[in-house]
Amino acid sequence: MLGILATPGRLAFGAGVLVVSVAGVAGLASSALFSDTQSAGADSFTTGTVAISPNSTSSTPISLSTMAPGDSASRNLVVENTGSLELKYTVASVATGDAGLGTALTAVLRTGTCSGSGTELYNGSFSGVSAASRTLAATAKDNLCLTVSLASSATNTVAGKTAGNNLSFAAVQTANNP
């Protein structure tokens, strides 16, 4: 009887069944894995802001209704960065009214208050006020003084005329801004 069981075909078949059985048992044993998942915490991102606020420290803008040649008037301005990012700002003007009077008027824009001294940022035509960019840290303030003068040499061509000027402040972030 041992001779019948030990034939090469039956032996190969028996070995195959044994290998498959061992592989099946090993597969069952290896499918039992421990696992764990943990969170690293939620990330949060908030963007900064750029906000500029040019406020006059006087209650009204410059207004001279009886300006004569040689007259001048000054106005304090406080430029405030009310945003959370450092910014750089520029100043430009939009002139209105009589162009002849606009060219006869001279504007001086400087740092500091009008009662003190400061660095001159612009000195030229009233109708073309502009200043190179200035840097202002978050929540910082910049004091400026604007003085407007009518040239002593002004002629009758500007008598009785009206001109106006609206200063515009444009700001951009400095971070990642070449």
Protein backbone atom coordinates (compact mmCIF):
# COMPACT_ATOMS: atom_id res chain seq x y z
CA MET A 1 0.00 0.00 0.00
CA LEU A 2 2.86 2.32 0.54
CA GLY A 3 3.86 1.74 -3.04
CA ILE A 4 0.56 3.07 -4.32
CA LEU A 5 0.72 6.23 -2.25
CA ALA A 6 4.29 6.99 -3.14
CA THR A 7 3.95 7.23 -6.91
CA PRO A 8 5.60 10.30 -8.48
CA GLY A 9 2.29 11.88 -9.67
CA ARG A 10 0.62 11.49 -6.31
CA LEU A 11 3.70 12.70 -4.52
CA ALA A 12 3.79 15.88 -6.62
CA PHE A 13 0.09 16.42 -6.06
CA GLY A 14 0.46 15.97 -2.31
CA ALA A 15 3.42 18.37 -2.20
CA GLY A 16 1.41 20.97 -4.11
CA VAL A 17 -1.51 20.69 -1.71
CA LEU A 18 0.89 21.04 1.21
CA VAL A 19 2.50 24.21 -0.25
CA VAL A 20 -0.88 25.82 -0.94
CA SER A 21 -2.08 24.97 2.56
CA VAL A 22 1.03 26.46 4.19
CA ALA A 23 0.75 29.61 2.02
CA GLY A 24 -2.90 29.99 2.97
CA VAL A 25 -2.14 29.71 6.67
CA ALA A 26 0.75 32.21 6.31
CA GLY A 27 -1.55 34.62 4.44
CA LEU A 28 -4.11 34.48 7.20
CA ALA A 29 -1.44 35.11 9.80
CA SER A 30 0.01 38.15 7.95
CA SER A 31 -3.35 39.91 7.39
CA ALA A 32 -3.70 40.80 11.05
CA LEU A 33 -1.88 44.20 11.20
CA PHE A 34 -2.00 46.83 13.88
CA SER A 35 -2.44 50.42 12.62
CA ASP A 36 -2.74 53.97 13.91
CA THR A 37 -3.58 57.40 12.43
CA GLN A 38 -2.80 60.72 14.09
CA SER A 39 -3.43 64.33 13.01
CA ALA A 40 -0.57 66.83 13.07
CA GLY A 41 -2.99 69.65 13.83
CA ALA A 42 -4.83 71.95 11.46
CA ASP A 43 -2.75 74.55 9.61
CA SER A 44 -4.19 78.03 9.30
CA PHE A 45 -3.24 80.78 6.86
CA THR A 46 -4.40 84.39 6.99
CA THR A 47 -3.35 86.96 4.42
CA GLY A 48 -2.10 90.37 5.45
CA THR A 49 -3.60 93.68 4.40
CA VAL A 50 -2.37 96.87 2.82
CA ALA A 51 -4.42 99.87 3.90
CA ILE A 52 -3.35 103.50 3.75
CA SER A 53 -5.20 106.38 5.36
CA PRO A 54 -4.09 109.94 4.56
CA ASN A 55 -5.83 112.12 7.13
CA SER A 56 -5.48 115.83 7.40
CA THR A 57 -4.73 116.95 10.93
CA SER A 58 -6.58 120.18 10.25
CA SER A 59 -10.35 120.03 9.95
CA THR A 60 -10.43 121.51 6.43
CA PRO A 61 -8.16 121.42 3.39
CA ILE A 62 -6.32 124.56 2.27
CA SER A 63 -8.80 127.13 1.01
CA LEU A 64 -7.77 130.69 0.22
CA SER A 65 -10.48 132.74 -1.44
CA THR A 66 -8.51 136.00 -1.56
CA MET A 67 -5.01 134.76 -2.45
CA ALA A 68 -2.65 137.47 -3.68
CA PRO A 69 0.78 137.16 -5.35
CA GLY A 70 3.33 136.07 -2.72
CA ASP A 71 0.73 134.41 -0.42
CA SER A 72 1.14 130.85 0.81
CA ALA A 73 -0.77 128.38 2.96
CA SER A 74 0.21 125.08 4.58
CA ARG A 75 -1.55 121.93 5.63
CA ASN A 76 -0.37 119.04 7.83
CA LEU A 77 -1.11 115.53 6.61
CA VAL A 78 -0.73 112.28 8.52
CA VAL A 79 -0.35 109.21 6.34
CA GLU A 80 -1.12 106.08 8.33
CA ASN A 81 -0.62 102.43 7.43
CA THR A 82 -3.72 100.85 8.94
CA GLY A 83 -2.90 97.46 7.43
CA SER A 84 -0.89 94.54 8.76
CA LEU A 85 1.87 94.55 6.10
CA GLU A 86 4.70 96.99 5.50
CA LEU A 87 3.91 99.12 2.45
CA LYS A 88 5.44 101.67 0.15
CA TYR A 89 3.34 104.57 -1.05
CA THR A 90 3.48 107.30 -3.64
CA VAL A 91 1.77 110.66 -3.76
CA ALA A 92 0.29 112.18 -6.89
CA SER A 93 -2.17 114.97 -7.57
CA VAL A 94 -5.13 115.61 -9.78
CA ALA A 95 -5.47 119.33 -10.54
CA THR A 96 -8.84 120.91 -11.25
CA GLY A 97 -9.95 124.37 -12.28
CA ASP A 98 -7.96 127.02 -14.14
CA ALA A 99 -4.76 125.59 -15.68
CA GLY A 100 -3.06 129.02 -15.74
CA LEU A 101 -3.52 129.46 -12.00
CA GLY A 102 -2.43 125.85 -11.49
CA THR A 103 0.93 126.58 -13.11
CA ALA A 104 1.31 129.90 -11.22
CA LEU A 105 0.93 128.05 -7.91
CA THR A 106 3.91 126.22 -6.43
CA ALA A 107 3.56 123.22 -4.14
CA VAL A 108 6.15 121.96 -1.66
CA LEU A 109 5.62 118.58 -0.01
CA ARG A 110 8.00 117.60 2.76
CA THR A 111 8.28 115.24 5.70
CA GLY A 112 7.51 116.45 9.20
CA THR A 113 4.93 118.90 10.42
CA CYS A 114 4.44 122.36 8.98
CA SER A 115 5.72 123.93 12.22
CA GLY A 116 8.98 121.96 12.06
CA SER A 117 11.62 121.02 9.53
CA GLY A 118 11.79 117.99 7.26
CA THR A 119 13.06 116.53 4.02
CA GLU A 120 11.65 117.99 0.83
CA LEU A 121 9.86 115.36 -1.26
CA TYR A 122 8.50 117.63 -4.01
CA ASN A 123 8.93 121.25 -5.07
CA GLY A 124 7.23 122.26 -8.29
CA SER A 125 3.99 122.98 -10.06
CA PHE A 126 0.83 122.74 -7.99
CA SER A 127 -0.82 120.83 -10.81
CA GLY A 128 1.79 118.07 -10.87
CA VAL A 129 2.53 117.11 -7.26
CA SER A 130 4.25 113.73 -7.08
CA ALA A 131 6.66 112.13 -4.67
CA ALA A 132 8.88 109.08 -4.88
CA SER A 133 7.77 106.05 -2.92
CA ARG A 134 8.14 106.04 0.83
CA THR A 135 8.15 102.95 3.05
CA LEU A 136 5.82 102.71 6.00
CA ALA A 137 5.76 99.84 8.52
CA ALA A 138 2.49 98.24 9.57
CA THR A 139 0.53 100.54 11.92
CA ALA A 140 3.12 103.34 11.47
CA LYS A 141 2.42 106.98 10.63
CA ASP A 142 4.20 109.47 8.39
CA ASN A 143 3.82 113.22 8.96
CA LEU A 144 3.84 115.39 5.83
CA CYS A 145 3.45 119.11 5.20
CA LEU A 146 1.97 120.57 2.01
CA THR A 147 2.63 124.26 1.34
CA VAL A 148 1.05 126.03 -1.63
CA SER A 149 2.29 129.44 -2.76
CA LEU A 150 1.24 131.91 -5.45
CA ALA A 151 4.30 133.26 -7.22
CA SER A 152 5.15 136.89 -6.48
CA SER A 153 5.39 137.38 -10.23
CA ALA A 154 1.80 136.23 -10.89
CA THR A 155 0.03 138.50 -13.37
CA ASN A 156 -3.55 139.63 -13.84
CA THR A 157 -4.15 136.59 -16.07
CA VAL A 158 -4.74 134.52 -12.92
CA ALA A 159 -6.73 137.15 -11.00
CA GLY A 160 -10.19 135.93 -10.00
CA LYS A 161 -9.43 132.32 -11.08
CA THR A 162 -9.91 129.13 -9.08
CA ALA A 163 -7.77 126.00 -9.07
CA GLY A 164 -7.93 122.90 -6.93
CA ASN A 165 -5.81 119.88 -6.19
CA ASN A 166 -6.67 116.45 -4.87
CA LEU A 167 -3.74 114.47 -3.48
CA SER A 168 -3.90 110.75 -4.16
CA PHE A 169 -1.97 108.19 -2.10
CA ALA A 170 -1.32 104.77 -3.69
CA ALA A 171 0.17 101.93 -1.64
CA VAL A 172 1.55 98.44 -2.38
CA GLN A 173 3.06 95.78 -0.13
CA THR A 174 6.83 95.61 0.17
CA ALA A 175 7.04 91.88 1.00
CA ASN A 176 7.87 89.79 -2.08
CA ASN A 177 7.64 92.90 -4.25
CA PRO A 178 10.91 93.57 -6.05
